[in-house]
Amino acid sequence: MSLPNPAELIRQMATELDTYLAKRGISEPRFIGIRSGGIWVAQALLEALGSDSPLGTLDVSFYRDDFSQNGLHPQVRPSALPFEIEGQHLVLIDDVLMSGRTIRAAMNELFDYGRPASVTLVCLLDLDAGELPIRPNVVGATLALAAHERVKLSGPELKLELQDLAL
């Protein structure tokens, strides 16, 4: 399987996001990237949009429903939101949407900070393997992978790699 070019996806996503926000009358969205791949995608997306908006970052480790099973990842960092959440239009950005559990955790954390006016979900890739009813509003590409395959994004240069867990 050949993976899509992330730079092309970012350009396409920037156009789609502009259209999506304009259609909803959202002129000053607040951008939030989910650590770590979502932050890289958010930075590239803000650059493609020509925006100098501040970027909030979320580390959802403490909000994951598998936290008690997996323990704390050694690279957990605090979330940083340089703006109010209450009443704001948020653009939540992640790299890969798989089960939906990371997004659920991010939403739980965001609502602990306040009640946003809206949340727009943007993902570079949707693996169409949802366990929860969560779908992105803007997505770069949707991929169907075998059960033993995963996609890894490395950054901040946004390089995609297909991994075979069966090997």
N, C-alpha and C. Protein backbone atom coordinates (compact mmCIF):
# COMPACT_ATOMS: atom_id res chain seq x y z
N MET A 1 0.85 -1.18 0.00
CA MET A 1 0.00 0.00 0.00
C MET A 1 0.89 1.24 0.00
N SER A 2 0.52 2.17 -0.82
CA SER A 2 1.26 3.42 -0.86
C SER A 2 0.52 4.46 -0.02
N LEU A 3 1.27 5.15 0.80
CA LEU A 3 0.68 6.16 1.69
C LEU A 3 0.63 7.52 1.00
N PRO A 4 -0.37 8.33 1.31
CA PRO A 4 -0.49 9.65 0.68
C PRO A 4 0.63 10.59 1.13
N ASN A 5 0.85 11.62 0.35
CA ASN A 5 1.86 12.64 0.65
C ASN A 5 1.27 13.62 1.68
N PRO A 6 1.87 13.68 2.88
CA PRO A 6 1.32 14.57 3.93
C PRO A 6 1.26 16.04 3.52
N ALA A 7 2.24 16.52 2.77
CA ALA A 7 2.25 17.94 2.36
C ALA A 7 1.04 18.24 1.48
N GLU A 8 0.71 17.32 0.57
CA GLU A 8 -0.47 17.51 -0.28
C GLU A 8 -1.75 17.46 0.54
N LEU A 9 -1.79 16.53 1.51
CA LEU A 9 -2.96 16.43 2.38
C LEU A 9 -3.17 17.71 3.18
N ILE A 10 -2.10 18.29 3.69
CA ILE A 10 -2.19 19.52 4.49
C ILE A 10 -2.76 20.66 3.64
N ARG A 11 -2.29 20.79 2.40
CA ARG A 11 -2.82 21.85 1.52
C ARG A 11 -4.32 21.66 1.28
N GLN A 12 -4.72 20.41 1.00
CA GLN A 12 -6.13 20.09 0.77
C GLN A 12 -6.95 20.36 2.03
N MET A 13 -6.43 19.97 3.19
CA MET A 13 -7.13 20.17 4.45
C MET A 13 -7.29 21.64 4.77
N ALA A 14 -6.27 22.45 4.48
CA ALA A 14 -6.36 23.90 4.74
C ALA A 14 -7.50 24.52 3.94
N THR A 15 -7.63 24.13 2.68
CA THR A 15 -8.72 24.63 1.84
C THR A 15 -10.07 24.18 2.39
N GLU A 16 -10.18 22.90 2.73
CA GLU A 16 -11.44 22.36 3.26
C GLU A 16 -11.81 23.01 4.60
N LEU A 17 -10.81 23.23 5.45
CA LEU A 17 -11.07 23.84 6.75
C LEU A 17 -11.53 25.28 6.59
N ASP A 18 -10.89 26.02 5.71
CA ASP A 18 -11.31 27.40 5.44
C ASP A 18 -12.78 27.44 5.02
N THR A 19 -13.15 26.56 4.10
CA THR A 19 -14.53 26.48 3.61
C THR A 19 -15.48 26.09 4.73
N TYR A 20 -15.10 25.09 5.50
CA TYR A 20 -15.94 24.59 6.60
C TYR A 20 -16.21 25.69 7.63
N LEU A 21 -15.16 26.39 8.03
CA LEU A 21 -15.31 27.45 9.03
C LEU A 21 -16.12 28.63 8.49
N ALA A 22 -15.87 29.00 7.25
CA ALA A 22 -16.59 30.12 6.64
C ALA A 22 -18.08 29.81 6.55
N LYS A 23 -18.41 28.57 6.17
CA LYS A 23 -19.82 28.17 6.05
C LYS A 23 -20.54 28.27 7.38
N ARG A 24 -19.80 28.11 8.48
CA ARG A 24 -20.39 28.17 9.82
C ARG A 24 -20.23 29.54 10.47
N GLY A 25 -19.65 30.48 9.74
CA GLY A 25 -19.51 31.84 10.27
C GLY A 25 -18.47 31.94 11.38
N ILE A 26 -17.50 31.04 11.38
CA ILE A 26 -16.45 31.05 12.41
C ILE A 26 -15.25 31.81 11.87
N SER A 27 -14.96 32.97 12.46
CA SER A 27 -13.89 33.81 11.94
C SER A 27 -12.63 33.78 12.80
N GLU A 28 -12.75 33.43 14.07
CA GLU A 28 -11.59 33.41 14.95
C GLU A 28 -11.51 32.10 15.74
N PRO A 29 -11.23 31.00 15.03
CA PRO A 29 -11.14 29.73 15.74
C PRO A 29 -9.87 29.66 16.59
N ARG A 30 -9.91 28.82 17.60
CA ARG A 30 -8.74 28.55 18.44
C ARG A 30 -8.25 27.15 18.08
N PHE A 31 -6.98 27.03 17.76
CA PHE A 31 -6.41 25.77 17.29
C PHE A 31 -5.73 25.02 18.43
N ILE A 32 -6.00 23.71 18.49
CA ILE A 32 -5.43 22.85 19.53
C ILE A 32 -4.94 21.56 18.89
N GLY A 33 -3.67 21.24 19.11
CA GLY A 33 -3.10 19.99 18.61
C GLY A 33 -2.95 18.99 19.74
N ILE A 34 -3.22 17.72 19.43
CA ILE A 34 -3.07 16.65 20.42
C ILE A 34 -1.65 16.09 20.29
N ARG A 35 -0.97 16.04 21.43
CA ARG A 35 0.42 15.59 21.47
C ARG A 35 0.54 14.17 20.96
N SER A 36 1.52 13.86 20.16
CA SER A 36 2.50 14.74 19.57
C SER A 36 2.23 14.95 18.09
N GLY A 37 1.72 13.92 17.43
CA GLY A 37 1.45 14.04 16.00
C GLY A 37 0.46 15.13 15.65
N GLY A 38 -0.54 15.32 16.48
CA GLY A 38 -1.53 16.36 16.23
C GLY A 38 -0.94 17.76 16.28
N ILE A 39 0.08 17.92 17.11
CA ILE A 39 0.76 19.22 17.18
C ILE A 39 1.51 19.48 15.88
N TRP A 40 2.20 18.46 15.37
CA TRP A 40 2.93 18.62 14.10
C TRP A 40 1.97 18.94 12.97
N VAL A 41 0.84 18.23 12.91
CA VAL A 41 -0.15 18.48 11.87
C VAL A 41 -0.72 19.89 12.03
N ALA A 42 -1.02 20.29 13.26
CA ALA A 42 -1.56 21.63 13.52
C ALA A 42 -0.59 22.72 13.08
N GLN A 43 0.69 22.55 13.38
CA GLN A 43 1.69 23.55 12.98
C GLN A 43 1.74 23.68 11.46
N ALA A 44 1.73 22.54 10.76
CA ALA A 44 1.76 22.56 9.30
C ALA A 44 0.48 23.18 8.74
N LEU A 45 -0.64 22.87 9.36
CA LEU A 45 -1.93 23.40 8.92
C LEU A 45 -2.00 24.91 9.12
N LEU A 46 -1.55 25.39 10.27
CA LEU A 46 -1.53 26.84 10.52
C LEU A 46 -0.64 27.55 9.50
N GLU A 47 0.48 26.94 9.17
CA GLU A 47 1.38 27.52 8.16
C GLU A 47 0.68 27.57 6.80
N ALA A 48 0.01 26.47 6.43
CA ALA A 48 -0.70 26.42 5.14
C ALA A 48 -1.84 27.43 5.09
N LEU A 49 -2.45 27.70 6.24
CA LEU A 49 -3.53 28.69 6.32
C LEU A 49 -3.00 30.12 6.35
N GLY A 50 -1.69 30.26 6.56
CA GLY A 50 -1.10 31.60 6.70
C GLY A 50 -1.53 32.26 7.99
N SER A 51 -1.77 31.45 9.03
CA SER A 51 -2.28 31.97 10.29
C SER A 51 -1.18 32.05 11.35
N ASP A 52 -1.22 33.14 12.11
CA ASP A 52 -0.29 33.26 13.24
C ASP A 52 -1.03 33.09 14.56
N SER A 53 -2.17 32.41 14.51
CA SER A 53 -2.95 32.14 15.72
C SER A 53 -2.12 31.33 16.70
N PRO A 54 -2.31 31.56 18.00
CA PRO A 54 -1.59 30.73 18.97
C PRO A 54 -2.10 29.30 18.90
N LEU A 55 -1.22 28.36 19.19
CA LEU A 55 -1.56 26.94 19.13
C LEU A 55 -1.60 26.37 20.54
N GLY A 56 -2.75 25.85 20.93
CA GLY A 56 -2.85 25.14 22.20
C GLY A 56 -2.42 23.69 22.00
N THR A 57 -1.93 23.08 23.07
CA THR A 57 -1.52 21.68 22.99
C THR A 57 -2.17 20.89 24.12
N LEU A 58 -2.58 19.67 23.80
CA LEU A 58 -3.18 18.77 24.77
C LEU A 58 -2.35 17.50 24.88
N ASP A 59 -2.10 17.07 26.09
CA ASP A 59 -1.56 15.74 26.35
C ASP A 59 -2.66 15.03 27.12
N VAL A 60 -3.33 14.10 26.47
CA VAL A 60 -4.54 13.48 27.03
C VAL A 60 -4.24 12.23 27.86
N SER A 61 -2.99 12.00 28.21
CA SER A 61 -2.60 10.77 28.90
C SER A 61 -3.45 10.46 30.12
N PHE A 62 -3.72 11.46 30.94
CA PHE A 62 -4.48 11.24 32.17
C PHE A 62 -5.97 11.02 31.91
N TYR A 63 -6.42 11.35 30.70
CA TYR A 63 -7.84 11.25 30.36
C TYR A 63 -8.16 9.97 29.57
N ARG A 64 -7.17 9.20 29.25
CA ARG A 64 -7.40 7.98 28.46
C ARG A 64 -8.11 6.93 29.31
N ASP A 65 -9.00 6.18 28.67
CA ASP A 65 -9.73 5.14 29.40
C ASP A 65 -8.88 3.90 29.63
N ASP A 66 -7.69 3.84 29.02
CA ASP A 66 -6.80 2.71 29.25
C ASP A 66 -5.62 3.09 30.15
N PHE A 67 -5.71 4.25 30.80
CA PHE A 67 -4.64 4.74 31.67
C PHE A 67 -4.31 3.73 32.77
N SER A 68 -5.33 3.16 33.41
CA SER A 68 -5.08 2.22 34.52
C SER A 68 -4.45 0.93 34.03
N GLN A 69 -4.68 0.56 32.77
CA GLN A 69 -4.10 -0.66 32.22
C GLN A 69 -2.67 -0.44 31.74
N ASN A 70 -2.45 0.69 31.06
CA ASN A 70 -1.16 0.94 30.42
C ASN A 70 -0.20 1.75 31.27
N GLY A 71 -0.70 2.42 32.29
CA GLY A 71 0.17 3.27 33.11
C GLY A 71 0.47 4.56 32.39
N LEU A 72 1.36 5.32 32.96
CA LEU A 72 1.69 6.64 32.44
C LEU A 72 2.87 6.54 31.48
N HIS A 73 2.69 7.09 30.29
CA HIS A 73 3.77 7.11 29.30
C HIS A 73 4.89 8.01 29.84
N PRO A 74 6.13 7.61 29.66
CA PRO A 74 7.24 8.38 30.27
C PRO A 74 7.41 9.79 29.72
N GLN A 75 6.79 10.11 28.59
CA GLN A 75 6.99 11.44 28.01
C GLN A 75 5.76 12.34 28.16
N VAL A 76 4.98 12.10 29.20
CA VAL A 76 3.80 12.94 29.43
C VAL A 76 4.24 14.37 29.74
N ARG A 77 3.57 15.33 29.10
CA ARG A 77 3.85 16.74 29.35
C ARG A 77 2.53 17.43 29.65
N PRO A 78 2.56 18.54 30.33
CA PRO A 78 1.30 19.23 30.63
C PRO A 78 0.68 19.81 29.36
N SER A 79 -0.63 19.91 29.38
CA SER A 79 -1.33 20.61 28.30
C SER A 79 -1.10 22.10 28.46
N ALA A 80 -1.15 22.81 27.35
CA ALA A 80 -0.95 24.27 27.37
C ALA A 80 -1.99 24.91 26.47
N LEU A 81 -2.89 25.65 27.07
CA LEU A 81 -3.94 26.32 26.32
C LEU A 81 -3.81 27.83 26.56
N PRO A 82 -3.21 28.56 25.59
CA PRO A 82 -2.94 29.98 25.77
C PRO A 82 -4.15 30.88 25.51
N PHE A 83 -5.34 30.32 25.65
CA PHE A 83 -6.57 31.08 25.43
C PHE A 83 -7.69 30.42 26.22
N GLU A 84 -8.78 31.14 26.37
CA GLU A 84 -9.97 30.61 27.05
C GLU A 84 -10.62 29.54 26.19
N ILE A 85 -11.25 28.58 26.81
CA ILE A 85 -12.02 27.55 26.12
C ILE A 85 -13.50 27.92 26.12
N GLU A 86 -13.96 28.49 27.22
CA GLU A 86 -15.37 28.85 27.39
C GLU A 86 -15.86 29.73 26.24
N GLY A 87 -16.87 29.25 25.52
CA GLY A 87 -17.50 30.04 24.47
C GLY A 87 -16.71 30.17 23.18
N GLN A 88 -15.59 29.52 23.07
CA GLN A 88 -14.74 29.65 21.89
C GLN A 88 -15.06 28.56 20.86
N HIS A 89 -14.76 28.85 19.60
CA HIS A 89 -14.86 27.86 18.52
C HIS A 89 -13.48 27.21 18.40
N LEU A 90 -13.41 25.93 18.72
CA LEU A 90 -12.14 25.21 18.75
C LEU A 90 -11.97 24.35 17.51
N VAL A 91 -10.73 24.27 17.04
CA VAL A 91 -10.35 23.33 15.99
C VAL A 91 -9.37 22.36 16.64
N LEU A 92 -9.83 21.14 16.87
CA LEU A 92 -9.05 20.09 17.52
C LEU A 92 -8.39 19.26 16.43
N ILE A 93 -7.06 19.11 16.51
CA ILE A 93 -6.30 18.50 15.42
C ILE A 93 -5.51 17.31 15.94
N ASP A 94 -5.63 16.18 15.21
CA ASP A 94 -4.86 14.98 15.53
C ASP A 94 -4.30 14.41 14.23
N ASP A 95 -3.32 13.55 14.39
CA ASP A 95 -2.70 12.96 13.20
C ASP A 95 -3.51 11.80 12.65
N VAL A 96 -3.77 10.78 13.46
CA VAL A 96 -4.43 9.57 12.99
C VAL A 96 -5.63 9.26 13.89
N LEU A 97 -6.80 9.14 13.28
CA LEU A 97 -8.00 8.72 13.99
C LEU A 97 -8.17 7.22 13.76
N MET A 98 -8.14 6.47 14.86
CA MET A 98 -8.32 5.03 14.73
C MET A 98 -9.58 4.61 15.49
N SER A 99 -9.47 4.40 16.78
CA SER A 99 -10.62 3.93 17.56
C SER A 99 -11.55 5.08 17.99
N GLY A 100 -11.01 6.29 18.09
CA GLY A 100 -11.77 7.43 18.58
C GLY A 100 -11.52 7.71 20.06
N ARG A 101 -10.77 6.85 20.72
CA ARG A 101 -10.56 6.99 22.17
C ARG A 101 -9.68 8.20 22.53
N THR A 102 -8.71 8.51 21.70
CA THR A 102 -7.88 9.69 21.95
C THR A 102 -8.73 10.96 21.85
N ILE A 103 -9.60 11.02 20.86
CA ILE A 103 -10.46 12.19 20.68
C ILE A 103 -11.43 12.31 21.85
N ARG A 104 -11.99 11.18 22.30
CA ARG A 104 -12.89 11.20 23.45
C ARG A 104 -12.15 11.75 24.67
N ALA A 105 -10.92 11.31 24.87
CA ALA A 105 -10.12 11.80 26.00
C ALA A 105 -9.85 13.30 25.86
N ALA A 106 -9.56 13.75 24.64
CA ALA A 106 -9.30 15.18 24.40
C ALA A 106 -10.55 16.01 24.70
N MET A 107 -11.70 15.53 24.29
CA MET A 107 -12.95 16.26 24.55
C MET A 107 -13.22 16.34 26.06
N ASN A 108 -12.98 15.25 26.76
CA ASN A 108 -13.15 15.27 28.22
C ASN A 108 -12.25 16.31 28.86
N GLU A 109 -11.00 16.36 28.43
CA GLU A 109 -10.08 17.35 29.00
C GLU A 109 -10.52 18.77 28.65
N LEU A 110 -10.88 19.01 27.41
CA LEU A 110 -11.30 20.35 27.00
C LEU A 110 -12.48 20.84 27.83
N PHE A 111 -13.45 19.97 28.08
CA PHE A 111 -14.63 20.38 28.83
C PHE A 111 -14.31 20.62 30.30
N ASP A 112 -13.19 20.09 30.77
CA ASP A 112 -12.75 20.44 32.12
C ASP A 112 -12.28 21.90 32.19
N TYR A 113 -11.87 22.46 31.05
CA TYR A 113 -11.43 23.85 30.99
C TYR A 113 -12.59 24.81 30.75
N GLY A 114 -13.72 24.32 30.26
CA GLY A 114 -14.86 25.18 29.97
C GLY A 114 -15.72 24.57 28.88
N ARG A 115 -16.79 25.27 28.56
CA ARG A 115 -17.72 24.77 27.53
C ARG A 115 -17.50 25.57 26.25
N PRO A 116 -16.89 24.95 25.23
CA PRO A 116 -16.67 25.67 23.98
C PRO A 116 -17.97 25.88 23.23
N ALA A 117 -17.99 26.88 22.35
CA ALA A 117 -19.14 27.12 21.49
C ALA A 117 -19.28 26.00 20.47
N SER A 118 -18.14 25.50 19.97
CA SER A 118 -18.13 24.39 19.02
C SER A 118 -16.75 23.76 18.99
N VAL A 119 -16.70 22.52 18.54
CA VAL A 119 -15.42 21.82 18.35
C VAL A 119 -15.45 21.22 16.95
N THR A 120 -14.48 21.60 16.13
CA THR A 120 -14.30 21.04 14.80
C THR A 120 -13.13 20.08 14.87
N LEU A 121 -13.35 18.85 14.42
CA LEU A 121 -12.28 17.84 14.47
C LEU A 121 -11.62 17.74 13.11
N VAL A 122 -10.28 17.85 13.12
CA VAL A 122 -9.47 17.75 11.91
C VAL A 122 -8.44 16.65 12.13
N CYS A 123 -8.37 15.69 11.19
CA CYS A 123 -7.39 14.60 11.29
C CYS A 123 -6.69 14.43 9.95
N LEU A 124 -5.40 14.19 10.01
CA LEU A 124 -4.63 13.93 8.79
C LEU A 124 -5.14 12.64 8.14
N LEU A 125 -5.28 11.58 8.95
CA LEU A 125 -5.74 10.28 8.44
C LEU A 125 -6.85 9.73 9.31
N ASP A 126 -7.82 9.11 8.66
CA ASP A 126 -8.88 8.36 9.35
C ASP A 126 -8.70 6.91 8.93
N LEU A 127 -8.44 6.03 9.88
CA LEU A 127 -8.20 4.62 9.56
C LEU A 127 -9.51 3.82 9.49
N ASP A 128 -10.63 4.50 9.64
CA ASP A 128 -11.95 3.88 9.50
C ASP A 128 -12.05 2.61 10.35
N ALA A 129 -11.57 2.71 11.59
CA ALA A 129 -11.59 1.57 12.52
C ALA A 129 -12.24 1.97 13.83
N GLY A 130 -13.22 2.85 13.74
CA GLY A 130 -13.82 3.45 14.92
C GLY A 130 -14.49 2.47 15.86
N GLU A 131 -14.25 2.68 17.14
CA GLU A 131 -14.94 1.96 18.21
C GLU A 131 -15.96 2.87 18.87
N LEU A 132 -15.84 4.16 18.63
CA LEU A 132 -16.75 5.16 19.18
C LEU A 132 -17.32 5.98 18.02
N PRO A 133 -18.49 6.58 18.18
CA PRO A 133 -19.10 7.33 17.08
C PRO A 133 -18.46 8.71 16.91
N ILE A 134 -17.21 8.71 16.48
CA ILE A 134 -16.44 9.95 16.31
C ILE A 134 -15.91 9.98 14.88
N ARG A 135 -16.19 11.07 14.17
CA ARG A 135 -15.74 11.25 12.80
C ARG A 135 -15.19 12.66 12.64
N PRO A 136 -14.12 12.81 11.86
CA PRO A 136 -13.57 14.16 11.65
C PRO A 136 -14.46 14.99 10.72
N ASN A 137 -14.47 16.31 10.97
CA ASN A 137 -15.16 17.25 10.08
C ASN A 137 -14.33 17.51 8.83
N VAL A 138 -13.01 17.49 9.01
CA VAL A 138 -12.07 17.66 7.90
C VAL A 138 -11.03 16.57 8.04
N VAL A 139 -10.79 15.83 6.95
CA VAL A 139 -9.82 14.73 6.98
C VAL A 139 -8.99 14.76 5.71
N GLY A 140 -7.70 14.47 5.87
CA GLY A 140 -6.81 14.43 4.71
C GLY A 140 -7.10 13.23 3.83
N ALA A 141 -7.14 12.04 4.43
CA ALA A 141 -7.40 10.80 3.68
C ALA A 141 -7.95 9.75 4.62
N THR A 142 -8.74 8.85 4.06
CA THR A 142 -9.25 7.70 4.81
C THR A 142 -8.57 6.46 4.25
N LEU A 143 -8.00 5.67 5.15
CA LEU A 143 -7.29 4.45 4.75
C LEU A 143 -7.94 3.24 5.40
N ALA A 144 -7.91 2.13 4.69
CA ALA A 144 -8.36 0.86 5.26
C ALA A 144 -7.12 -0.03 5.38
N LEU A 145 -6.71 -0.30 6.61
CA LEU A 145 -5.53 -1.11 6.85
C LEU A 145 -5.93 -2.49 7.33
N ALA A 146 -5.04 -3.44 7.14
CA ALA A 146 -5.24 -4.77 7.70
C ALA A 146 -5.12 -4.67 9.21
N ALA A 147 -5.67 -5.64 9.93
CA ALA A 147 -5.68 -5.62 11.40
C ALA A 147 -4.27 -5.54 11.99
N HIS A 148 -3.29 -6.05 11.28
CA HIS A 148 -1.90 -6.07 11.78
C HIS A 148 -1.08 -4.87 11.31
N GLU A 149 -1.71 -3.91 10.63
CA GLU A 149 -0.99 -2.75 10.12
C GLU A 149 -1.34 -1.49 10.91
N ARG A 150 -0.37 -0.59 11.01
CA ARG A 150 -0.55 0.71 11.64
C ARG A 150 0.20 1.75 10.81
N VAL A 151 -0.19 3.00 10.97
CA VAL A 151 0.50 4.11 10.33
C VAL A 151 1.15 4.92 11.43
N LYS A 152 2.42 5.26 11.22
CA LYS A 152 3.14 6.08 12.20
C LYS A 152 3.56 7.37 11.51
N LEU A 153 3.30 8.48 12.21
CA LEU A 153 3.70 9.79 11.72
C LEU A 153 4.89 10.24 12.54
N SER A 154 5.97 10.62 11.88
CA SER A 154 7.09 11.20 12.60
C SER A 154 7.21 12.66 12.18
N GLY A 155 7.73 13.44 13.06
CA GLY A 155 7.73 14.87 12.78
C GLY A 155 8.87 15.58 13.45
N PRO A 156 8.86 16.85 13.27
CA PRO A 156 7.77 17.68 12.73
C PRO A 156 7.71 17.73 11.21
N GLU A 157 8.56 16.96 10.51
CA GLU A 157 8.56 17.03 9.04
C GLU A 157 7.41 16.27 8.39
N LEU A 158 6.58 15.59 9.18
CA LEU A 158 5.40 14.87 8.72
C LEU A 158 5.75 13.77 7.72
N LYS A 159 6.42 12.76 8.21
CA LYS A 159 6.75 11.60 7.39
C LYS A 159 5.89 10.44 7.84
N LEU A 160 5.17 9.83 6.89
CA LEU A 160 4.30 8.69 7.18
C LEU A 160 5.02 7.38 6.90
N GLU A 161 4.78 6.41 7.77
CA GLU A 161 5.40 5.09 7.61
C GLU A 161 4.35 4.03 7.93
N LEU A 162 4.26 3.02 7.09
CA LEU A 162 3.36 1.90 7.31
C LEU A 162 4.12 0.85 8.12
N GLN A 163 3.54 0.42 9.25
CA GLN A 163 4.17 -0.57 10.11
C GLN A 163 3.36 -1.86 10.09
N ASP A 164 4.05 -2.99 10.03
CA ASP A 164 3.41 -4.29 10.07
C ASP A 164 3.69 -4.91 11.43
N LEU A 165 2.65 -4.99 12.26
CA LEU A 165 2.81 -5.52 13.61
C LEU A 165 2.96 -7.03 13.64
N ALA A 166 2.69 -7.70 12.51
CA ALA A 166 2.79 -9.15 12.44
C ALA A 166 4.24 -9.62 12.29
N LEU A 167 5.11 -8.70 11.94
CA LEU A 167 6.53 -9.07 11.73
C LEU A 167 7.28 -9.17 13.04
